[in-house]
Amino acid sequence: MKNLKLQMLTSKFEEIRMLEDESFNEFYVELNDIVNSKFNFRDKMEDTRIVRKILRSLPERFWPKITAVEKTKDFDTIHVKELIYFL
């Protein structure tokens, strides 16, 4: 049962995208809920994976901010909280 729930959460994590009419906060709450649920099953996700997922999931209106983050931060060292501050 645990493996099935983890598979479902992993699928949700991979499939989640921010909608055009959705606020970043709404999107992040949903994403964070998935990450926390995986953590509750002792499946901790690295910050770099979450950061890259957020950046891949943002709509076009965020592209200028993503470019600014790319120029100032290394995606392998930035933490989720830092990224949220930029967005």
PDB file of N, CA and C in Angstrom:
ATOM      1  N   MET A   1       0.824  -1.194   0.000  1.00  0.00           N
ATOM      2  CA  MET A   1       0.000   0.000   0.000  1.00  0.00           C
ATOM      3  C   MET A   1       0.874   1.268   0.000  1.00  0.00           C
ATOM      4  N   LYS A   2       1.934   1.248   0.797  1.00  0.00           N
ATOM      5  CA  LYS A   2       2.834   2.400   0.866  1.00  0.00           C
ATOM      6  C   LYS A   2       3.448   2.682  -0.502  1.00  0.00           C
ATOM      7  N   ASN A   3       3.898   1.649  -1.187  1.00  0.00           N
ATOM      8  CA  ASN A   3       4.514   1.824  -2.507  1.00  0.00           C
ATOM      9  C   ASN A   3       3.530   2.408  -3.509  1.00  0.00           C
ATOM     10  N   LEU A   4       2.290   1.978  -3.450  1.00  0.00           N
ATOM     11  CA  LEU A   4       1.264   2.490  -4.352  1.00  0.00           C
ATOM     12  C   LEU A   4       1.036   3.983  -4.108  1.00  0.00           C
ATOM     13  N   LYS A   5       0.939   4.381  -2.845  1.00  0.00           N
ATOM     14  CA  LYS A   5       0.738   5.794  -2.525  1.00  0.00           C
ATOM     15  C   LYS A   5       1.939   6.626  -2.959  1.00  0.00           C
ATOM     16  N   LEU A   6       3.136   6.098  -2.753  1.00  0.00           N
ATOM     17  CA  LEU A   6       4.330   6.814  -3.195  1.00  0.00           C
ATOM     18  C   LEU A   6       4.363   6.960  -4.707  1.00  0.00           C
ATOM     19  N   GLN A   7       3.956   5.937  -5.416  1.00  0.00           N
ATOM     20  CA  GLN A   7       3.887   6.019  -6.885  1.00  0.00           C
ATOM     21  C   GLN A   7       2.881   7.067  -7.318  1.00  0.00           C
ATOM     22  N   MET A   8       1.744   7.124  -6.652  1.00  0.00           N
ATOM     23  CA  MET A   8       0.722   8.110  -6.992  1.00  0.00           C
ATOM     24  C   MET A   8       1.235   9.525  -6.721  1.00  0.00           C
ATOM     25  N   LEU A   9       1.916   9.716  -5.605  1.00  0.00           N
ATOM     26  CA  LEU A   9       2.468  11.031  -5.277  1.00  0.00           C
ATOM     27  C   LEU A   9       3.562  11.432  -6.256  1.00  0.00           C
ATOM     28  N   THR A  10       4.376  10.475  -6.658  1.00  0.00           N
ATOM     29  CA  THR A  10       5.427  10.760  -7.644  1.00  0.00           C
ATOM     30  C   THR A  10       4.806  11.168  -8.970  1.00  0.00           C
ATOM     31  N   SER A  11       3.751  10.500  -9.364  1.00  0.00           N
ATOM     32  CA  SER A  11       3.050  10.867 -10.603  1.00  0.00           C
ATOM     33  C   SER A  11       2.467  12.264 -10.505  1.00  0.00           C
ATOM     34  N   LYS A  12       1.864  12.577  -9.367  1.00  0.00           N
ATOM     35  CA  LYS A  12       1.318  13.926  -9.168  1.00  0.00           C
ATOM     36  C   LYS A  12       2.421  14.968  -9.258  1.00  0.00           C
ATOM     37  N   PHE A  13       3.556  14.663  -8.640  1.00  0.00           N
ATOM     38  CA  PHE A  13       4.679  15.591  -8.666  1.00  0.00           C
ATOM     39  C   PHE A  13       5.145  15.825 -10.097  1.00  0.00           C
ATOM     40  N   GLU A  14       5.264  14.780 -10.863  1.00  0.00           N
ATOM     41  CA  GLU A  14       5.742  14.904 -12.240  1.00  0.00           C
ATOM     42  C   GLU A  14       4.740  15.636 -13.133  1.00  0.00           C
ATOM     43  N   GLU A  15       3.465  15.465 -12.871  1.00  0.00           N
ATOM     44  CA  GLU A  15       2.427  16.015 -13.745  1.00  0.00           C
ATOM     45  C   GLU A  15       1.994  17.436 -13.390  1.00  0.00           C
ATOM     46  N   ILE A  16       2.254  17.880 -12.181  1.00  0.00           N
ATOM     47  CA  ILE A  16       1.754  19.187 -11.755  1.00  0.00           C
ATOM     48  C   ILE A  16       2.388  20.308 -12.584  1.00  0.00           C
ATOM     49  N   ARG A  17       1.565  21.244 -12.993  1.00  0.00           N
ATOM     50  CA  ARG A  17       1.989  22.438 -13.729  1.00  0.00           C
ATOM     51  C   ARG A  17       1.156  23.606 -13.204  1.00  0.00           C
ATOM     52  N   MET A  18       1.759  24.757 -13.218  1.00  0.00           N
ATOM     53  CA  MET A  18       1.017  25.948 -12.811  1.00  0.00           C
ATOM     54  C   MET A  18       0.148  26.403 -13.972  1.00  0.00           C
ATOM     55  N   LEU A  19      -1.112  26.627 -13.705  1.00  0.00           N
ATOM     56  CA  LEU A  19      -2.050  27.071 -14.728  1.00  0.00           C
ATOM     57  C   LEU A  19      -1.911  28.572 -14.948  1.00  0.00           C
ATOM     58  N   GLU A  20      -2.282  29.032 -16.123  1.00  0.00           N
ATOM     59  CA  GLU A  20      -2.175  30.465 -16.463  1.00  0.00           C
ATOM     60  C   GLU A  20      -2.950  31.344 -15.493  1.00  0.00           C
ATOM     61  N   ASP A  21      -4.116  30.899 -15.065  1.00  0.00           N
ATOM     62  CA  ASP A  21      -4.958  31.721 -14.190  1.00  0.00           C
ATOM     63  C   ASP A  21      -4.738  31.434 -12.706  1.00  0.00           C
ATOM     64  N   GLU A  22      -3.721  30.665 -12.394  1.00  0.00           N
ATOM     65  CA  GLU A  22      -3.421  30.279 -11.025  1.00  0.00           C
ATOM     66  C   GLU A  22      -2.329  31.199 -10.456  1.00  0.00           C
ATOM     67  N   SER A  23      -2.447  31.536  -9.194  1.00  0.00           N
ATOM     68  CA  SER A  23      -1.384  32.325  -8.567  1.00  0.00           C
ATOM     69  C   SER A  23      -0.232  31.400  -8.205  1.00  0.00           C
ATOM     70  N   PHE A  24       0.943  31.987  -8.038  1.00  0.00           N
ATOM     71  CA  PHE A  24       2.089  31.167  -7.642  1.00  0.00           C
ATOM     72  C   PHE A  24       1.835  30.520  -6.294  1.00  0.00           C
ATOM     73  N   ASN A  25       1.216  31.265  -5.378  1.00  0.00           N
ATOM     74  CA  ASN A  25       0.936  30.710  -4.045  1.00  0.00           C
ATOM     75  C   ASN A  25       0.036  29.484  -4.115  1.00  0.00           C
ATOM     76  N   GLU A  26      -0.988  29.533  -4.949  1.00  0.00           N
ATOM     77  CA  GLU A  26      -1.879  28.380  -5.100  1.00  0.00           C
ATOM     78  C   GLU A  26      -1.104  27.170  -5.628  1.00  0.00           C
ATOM     79  N   PHE A  27      -0.295  27.413  -6.644  1.00  0.00           N
ATOM     80  CA  PHE A  27       0.515  26.344  -7.218  1.00  0.00           C
ATOM     81  C   PHE A  27       1.484  25.777  -6.180  1.00  0.00           C
ATOM     82  N   TYR A  28       2.162  26.653  -5.453  1.00  0.00           N
ATOM     83  CA  TYR A  28       3.162  26.196  -4.494  1.00  0.00           C
ATOM     84  C   TYR A  28       2.532  25.413  -3.348  1.00  0.00           C
ATOM     85  N   VAL A  29       1.358  25.818  -2.898  1.00  0.00           N
ATOM     86  CA  VAL A  29       0.671  25.078  -1.830  1.00  0.00           C
ATOM     87  C   VAL A  29       0.398  23.645  -2.288  1.00  0.00           C
ATOM     88  N   GLU A  30      -0.067  23.498  -3.517  1.00  0.00           N
ATOM     89  CA  GLU A  30      -0.358  22.166  -4.045  1.00  0.00           C
ATOM     90  C   GLU A  30       0.928  21.341  -4.190  1.00  0.00           C
ATOM     91  N   LEU A  31       1.959  21.945  -4.727  1.00  0.00           N
ATOM     92  CA  LEU A  31       3.234  21.248  -4.887  1.00  0.00           C
ATOM     93  C   LEU A  31       3.822  20.880  -3.526  1.00  0.00           C
ATOM     94  N   ASN A  32       3.799  21.808  -2.605  1.00  0.00           N
ATOM     95  CA  ASN A  32       4.343  21.559  -1.270  1.00  0.00           C
ATOM     96  C   ASN A  32       3.574  20.449  -0.553  1.00  0.00           C
ATOM     97  N   ASP A  33       2.290  20.361  -0.774  1.00  0.00           N
ATOM     98  CA  ASP A  33       1.482  19.297  -0.186  1.00  0.00           C
ATOM     99  C   ASP A  33       1.963  17.930  -0.694  1.00  0.00           C
ATOM    100  N   ILE A  34       2.265  17.845  -1.970  1.00  0.00           N
ATOM    101  CA  ILE A  34       2.770  16.590  -2.539  1.00  0.00           C
ATOM    102  C   ILE A  34       4.127  16.249  -1.930  1.00  0.00           C
ATOM    103  N   VAL A  35       5.014  17.228  -1.877  1.00  0.00           N
ATOM    104  CA  VAL A  35       6.358  17.012  -1.325  1.00  0.00           C
ATOM    105  C   VAL A  35       6.271  16.580   0.140  1.00  0.00           C
ATOM    106  N   ASN A  36       5.428  17.240   0.909  1.00  0.00           N
ATOM    107  CA  ASN A  36       5.275  16.878   2.325  1.00  0.00           C
ATOM    108  C   ASN A  36       4.668  15.496   2.501  1.00  0.00           C
ATOM    109  N   SER A  37       3.742  15.141   1.643  1.00  0.00           N
ATOM    110  CA  SER A  37       3.145  13.810   1.710  1.00  0.00           C
ATOM    111  C   SER A  37       4.188  12.731   1.433  1.00  0.00           C
ATOM    112  N   LYS A  38       5.049  12.993   0.454  1.00  0.00           N
ATOM    113  CA  LYS A  38       6.135  12.044   0.178  1.00  0.00           C
ATOM    114  C   LYS A  38       7.080  11.958   1.380  1.00  0.00           C
ATOM    115  N   PHE A  39       7.360  13.087   2.001  1.00  0.00           N
ATOM    116  CA  PHE A  39       8.230  13.108   3.179  1.00  0.00           C
ATOM    117  C   PHE A  39       7.618  12.271   4.303  1.00  0.00           C
ATOM    118  N   ASN A  40       6.304  12.349   4.464  1.00  0.00           N
ATOM    119  CA  ASN A  40       5.624  11.561   5.500  1.00  0.00           C
ATOM    120  C   ASN A  40       5.783  10.063   5.277  1.00  0.00           C
ATOM    121  N   PHE A  41       6.052   9.670   4.040  1.00  0.00           N
ATOM    122  CA  PHE A  41       6.329   8.265   3.729  1.00  0.00           C
ATOM    123  C   PHE A  41       7.842   8.004   3.709  1.00  0.00           C
ATOM    124  N   ARG A  42       8.586   8.921   4.293  1.00  0.00           N
ATOM    125  CA  ARG A  42      10.042   8.824   4.378  1.00  0.00           C
ATOM    126  C   ARG A  42      10.727   8.841   3.007  1.00  0.00           C
ATOM    127  N   ASP A  43      10.155   9.611   2.120  1.00  0.00           N
ATOM    128  CA  ASP A  43      10.724   9.791   0.781  1.00  0.00           C
ATOM    129  C   ASP A  43      11.033  11.275   0.618  1.00  0.00           C
ATOM    130  N   LYS A  44      12.182  11.681   1.155  1.00  0.00           N
ATOM    131  CA  LYS A  44      12.569  13.095   1.127  1.00  0.00           C
ATOM    132  C   LYS A  44      13.080  13.467  -0.261  1.00  0.00           C
ATOM    133  N   MET A  45      12.640  14.620  -0.738  1.00  0.00           N
ATOM    134  CA  MET A  45      13.078  15.120  -2.043  1.00  0.00           C
ATOM    135  C   MET A  45      14.125  16.203  -1.838  1.00  0.00           C
ATOM    136  N   GLU A  46      15.145  16.178  -2.660  1.00  0.00           N
ATOM    137  CA  GLU A  46      16.201  17.188  -2.595  1.00  0.00           C
ATOM    138  C   GLU A  46      15.672  18.533  -3.101  1.00  0.00           C
ATOM    139  N   ASP A  47      16.183  19.605  -2.512  1.00  0.00           N
ATOM    140  CA  ASP A  47      15.790  20.954  -2.922  1.00  0.00           C
ATOM    141  C   ASP A  47      16.023  21.180  -4.420  1.00  0.00           C
ATOM    142  N   THR A  48      17.140  20.682  -4.929  1.00  0.00           N
ATOM    143  CA  THR A  48      17.441  20.918  -6.343  1.00  0.00           C
ATOM    144  C   THR A  48      16.363  20.329  -7.246  1.00  0.00           C
ATOM    145  N   ARG A  49      15.834  19.178  -6.873  1.00  0.00           N
ATOM    146  CA  ARG A  49      14.773  18.569  -7.683  1.00  0.00           C
ATOM    147  C   ARG A  49      13.501  19.417  -7.631  1.00  0.00           C
ATOM    148  N   ILE A  50      13.181  19.921  -6.459  1.00  0.00           N
ATOM    149  CA  ILE A  50      11.982  20.744  -6.299  1.00  0.00           C
ATOM    150  C   ILE A  50      12.148  22.075  -7.038  1.00  0.00           C
ATOM    151  N   VAL A  51      13.328  22.682  -6.916  1.00  0.00           N
ATOM    152  CA  VAL A  51      13.598  23.948  -7.609  1.00  0.00           C
ATOM    153  C   VAL A  51      13.437  23.768  -9.110  1.00  0.00           C
ATOM    154  N   ARG A  52      14.043  22.727  -9.659  1.00  0.00           N
ATOM    155  CA  ARG A  52      13.950  22.480 -11.103  1.00  0.00           C
ATOM    156  C   ARG A  52      12.507  22.191 -11.526  1.00  0.00           C
ATOM    157  N   LYS A  53      11.762  21.502 -10.681  1.00  0.00           N
ATOM    158  CA  LYS A  53      10.357  21.223 -10.984  1.00  0.00           C
ATOM    159  C   LYS A  53       9.555  22.529 -11.032  1.00  0.00           C
ATOM    160  N   ILE A  54       9.778  23.387 -10.060  1.00  0.00           N
ATOM    161  CA  ILE A  54       9.068  24.676 -10.040  1.00  0.00           C
ATOM    162  C   ILE A  54       9.373  25.451 -11.312  1.00  0.00           C
ATOM    163  N   LEU A  55      10.640  25.555 -11.660  1.00  0.00           N
ATOM    164  CA  LEU A  55      11.032  26.330 -12.834  1.00  0.00           C
ATOM    165  C   LEU A  55      10.459  25.759 -14.125  1.00  0.00           C
ATOM    166  N   ARG A  56      10.395  24.444 -14.226  1.00  0.00           N
ATOM    167  CA  ARG A  56       9.821  23.807 -15.423  1.00  0.00           C
ATOM    168  C   ARG A  56       8.308  23.962 -15.495  1.00  0.00           C
ATOM    169  N   SER A  57       7.688  24.204 -14.362  1.00  0.00           N
ATOM    170  CA  SER A  57       6.227  24.192 -14.278  1.00  0.00           C
ATOM    171  C   SER A  57       5.579  25.560 -14.394  1.00  0.00           C
ATOM    172  N   LEU A  58       6.389  26.598 -14.425  1.00  0.00           N
ATOM    173  CA  LEU A  58       5.832  27.951 -14.464  1.00  0.00           C
ATOM    174  C   LEU A  58       5.401  28.338 -15.874  1.00  0.00           C
ATOM    175  N   PRO A  59       4.316  29.102 -15.980  1.00  0.00           N
ATOM    176  CA  PRO A  59       3.857  29.564 -17.297  1.00  0.00           C
ATOM    177  C   PRO A  59       4.768  30.661 -17.866  1.00  0.00           C
ATOM    178  N   GLU A  60       4.536  30.999 -19.092  1.00  0.00           N
ATOM    179  CA  GLU A  60       5.362  31.937 -19.844  1.00  0.00           C
ATOM    180  C   GLU A  60       5.523  33.290 -19.153  1.00  0.00           C
ATOM    181  N   ARG A  61       4.541  33.730 -18.435  1.00  0.00           N
ATOM    182  CA  ARG A  61       4.625  35.056 -17.795  1.00  0.00           C
ATOM    183  C   ARG A  61       5.765  35.124 -16.769  1.00  0.00           C
ATOM    184  N   PHE A  62       6.285  33.986 -16.328  1.00  0.00           N
ATOM    185  CA  PHE A  62       7.384  33.935 -15.365  1.00  0.00           C
ATOM    186  C   PHE A  62       8.750  33.850 -16.032  1.00  0.00           C
ATOM    187  N   TRP A  63       8.813  33.715 -17.343  1.00  0.00           N
ATOM    188  CA  TRP A  63      10.085  33.527 -18.022  1.00  0.00           C
ATOM    189  C   TRP A  63      11.107  34.629 -17.737  1.00  0.00           C
ATOM    190  N   PRO A  64      10.715  35.914 -17.680  1.00  0.00           N
ATOM    191  CA  PRO A  64      11.728  36.934 -17.334  1.00  0.00           C
ATOM    192  C   PRO A  64      12.337  36.714 -15.941  1.00  0.00           C
ATOM    193  N   LYS A  65      11.520  36.313 -14.991  1.00  0.00           N
ATOM    194  CA  LYS A  65      12.033  36.045 -13.648  1.00  0.00           C
ATOM    195  C   LYS A  65      12.933  34.818 -13.639  1.00  0.00           C
ATOM    196  N   ILE A  66      12.556  33.798 -14.405  1.00  0.00           N
ATOM    197  CA  ILE A  66      13.381  32.589 -14.502  1.00  0.00           C
ATOM    198  C   ILE A  66      14.743  32.943 -15.088  1.00  0.00           C
ATOM    199  N   THR A  67      14.746  33.781 -16.114  1.00  0.00           N
ATOM    200  CA  THR A  67      16.004  34.207 -16.733  1.00  0.00           C
ATOM    201  C   THR A  67      16.869  34.957 -15.725  1.00  0.00           C
ATOM    202  N   ALA A  68      16.260  35.805 -14.929  1.00  0.00           N
ATOM    203  CA  ALA A  68      17.011  36.548 -13.913  1.00  0.00           C
ATOM    204  C   ALA A  68      17.609  35.598 -12.872  1.00  0.00           C
ATOM    205  N   VAL A  69      16.851  34.602 -12.481  1.00  0.00           N
ATOM    206  CA  VAL A  69      17.364  33.610 -11.529  1.00  0.00           C
ATOM    207  C   VAL A  69      18.520  32.841 -12.150  1.00  0.00           C
ATOM    208  N   GLU A  70      18.377  32.456 -13.424  1.00  0.00           N
ATOM    209  CA  GLU A  70      19.443  31.717 -14.114  1.00  0.00           C
ATOM    210  C   GLU A  70      20.747  32.505 -14.125  1.00  0.00           C
ATOM    211  N   LYS A  71      20.646  33.825 -14.276  1.00  0.00           N
ATOM    212  CA  LYS A  71      21.841  34.663 -14.372  1.00  0.00           C
ATOM    213  C   LYS A  71      22.500  34.925 -13.022  1.00  0.00           C
ATOM    214  N   THR A  72      21.737  34.811 -11.945  1.00  0.00           N
ATOM    215  CA  THR A  72      22.281  35.159 -10.640  1.00  0.00           C
ATOM    216  C   THR A  72      22.500  33.976  -9.700  1.00  0.00           C
ATOM    217  N   LYS A  73      21.876  32.848  -9.983  1.00  0.00           N
ATOM    218  CA  LYS A  73      21.948  31.705  -9.071  1.00  0.00           C
ATOM    219  C   LYS A  73      22.289  30.428  -9.826  1.00  0.00           C
ATOM    220  N   ASP A  74      22.896  29.511  -9.097  1.00  0.00           N
ATOM    221  CA  ASP A  74      23.183  28.176  -9.620  1.00  0.00           C
ATOM    222  C   ASP A  74      22.042  27.261  -9.187  1.00  0.00           C
ATOM    223  N   PHE A  75      21.382  26.629 -10.129  1.00  0.00           N
ATOM    224  CA  PHE A  75      20.235  25.773  -9.814  1.00  0.00           C
ATOM    225  C   PHE A  75      20.600  24.601  -8.913  1.00  0.00           C
ATOM    226  N   ASP A  76      21.865  24.250  -8.860  1.00  0.00           N
ATOM    227  CA  ASP A  76      22.279  23.141  -8.007  1.00  0.00           C
ATOM    228  C   ASP A  76      22.517  23.564  -6.561  1.00  0.00           C
ATOM    229  N   THR A  77      22.540  24.866  -6.311  1.00  0.00           N
ATOM    230  CA  THR A  77      22.786  25.325  -4.937  1.00  0.00           C
ATOM    231  C   THR A  77      21.653  26.172  -4.366  1.00  0.00           C
ATOM    232  N   ILE A  78      20.753  26.650  -5.195  1.00  0.00           N
ATOM    233  CA  ILE A  78      19.655  27.487  -4.705  1.00  0.00           C
ATOM    234  C   ILE A  78      18.651  26.626  -3.936  1.00  0.00           C
ATOM    235  N   HIS A  79      18.139  27.192  -2.866  1.00  0.00           N
ATOM    236  CA  HIS A  79      17.138  26.502  -2.058  1.00  0.00           C
ATOM    237  C   HIS A  79      15.743  26.961  -2.480  1.00  0.00           C
ATOM    238  N   VAL A  80      14.765  26.166  -2.178  1.00  0.00           N
ATOM    239  CA  VAL A  80      13.384  26.475  -2.558  1.00  0.00           C
ATOM    240  C   VAL A  80      12.968  27.839  -2.007  1.00  0.00           C
ATOM    241  N   LYS A  81      13.294  28.123  -0.765  1.00  0.00           N
ATOM    242  CA  LYS A  81      12.894  29.403  -0.157  1.00  0.00           C
ATOM    243  C   LYS A  81      13.525  30.585  -0.889  1.00  0.00           C
ATOM    244  N   GLU A  82      14.762  30.429  -1.344  1.00  0.00           N
ATOM    245  CA  GLU A  82      15.408  31.495  -2.112  1.00  0.00           C
ATOM    246  C   GLU A  82      14.687  31.712  -3.436  1.00  0.00           C
ATOM    247  N   LEU A  83      14.343  30.621  -4.092  1.00  0.00           N
ATOM    248  CA  LEU A  83      13.641  30.714  -5.367  1.00  0.00           C
ATOM    249  C   LEU A  83      12.299  31.419  -5.191  1.00  0.00           C
ATOM    250  N   ILE A  84      11.576  31.062  -4.172  1.00  0.00           N
ATOM    251  CA  ILE A  84      10.266  31.668  -3.929  1.00  0.00           C
ATOM    252  C   ILE A  84      10.420  33.171  -3.706  1.00  0.00           C
ATOM    253  N   TYR A  85      11.477  33.590  -3.038  1.00  0.00           N
ATOM    254  CA  TYR A  85      11.736  35.002  -2.826  1.00  0.00           C
ATOM    255  C   TYR A  85      11.882  35.743  -4.174  1.00  0.00           C
ATOM    256  N   PHE A  86      12.564  35.108  -5.136  1.00  0.00           N
ATOM    257  CA  PHE A  86      12.762  35.719  -6.449  1.00  0.00           C
ATOM    258  C   PHE A  86      11.473  35.773  -7.258  1.00  0.00           C
ATOM    259  N   LEU A  87      10.597  34.829  -7.045  1.00  0.00           N
ATOM    260  CA  LEU A  87       9.384  34.760  -7.850  1.00  0.00           C
ATOM    261  C   LEU A  87       8.279  35.598  -7.247  1.00  0.00           C
TER     262      LEU A  87
END
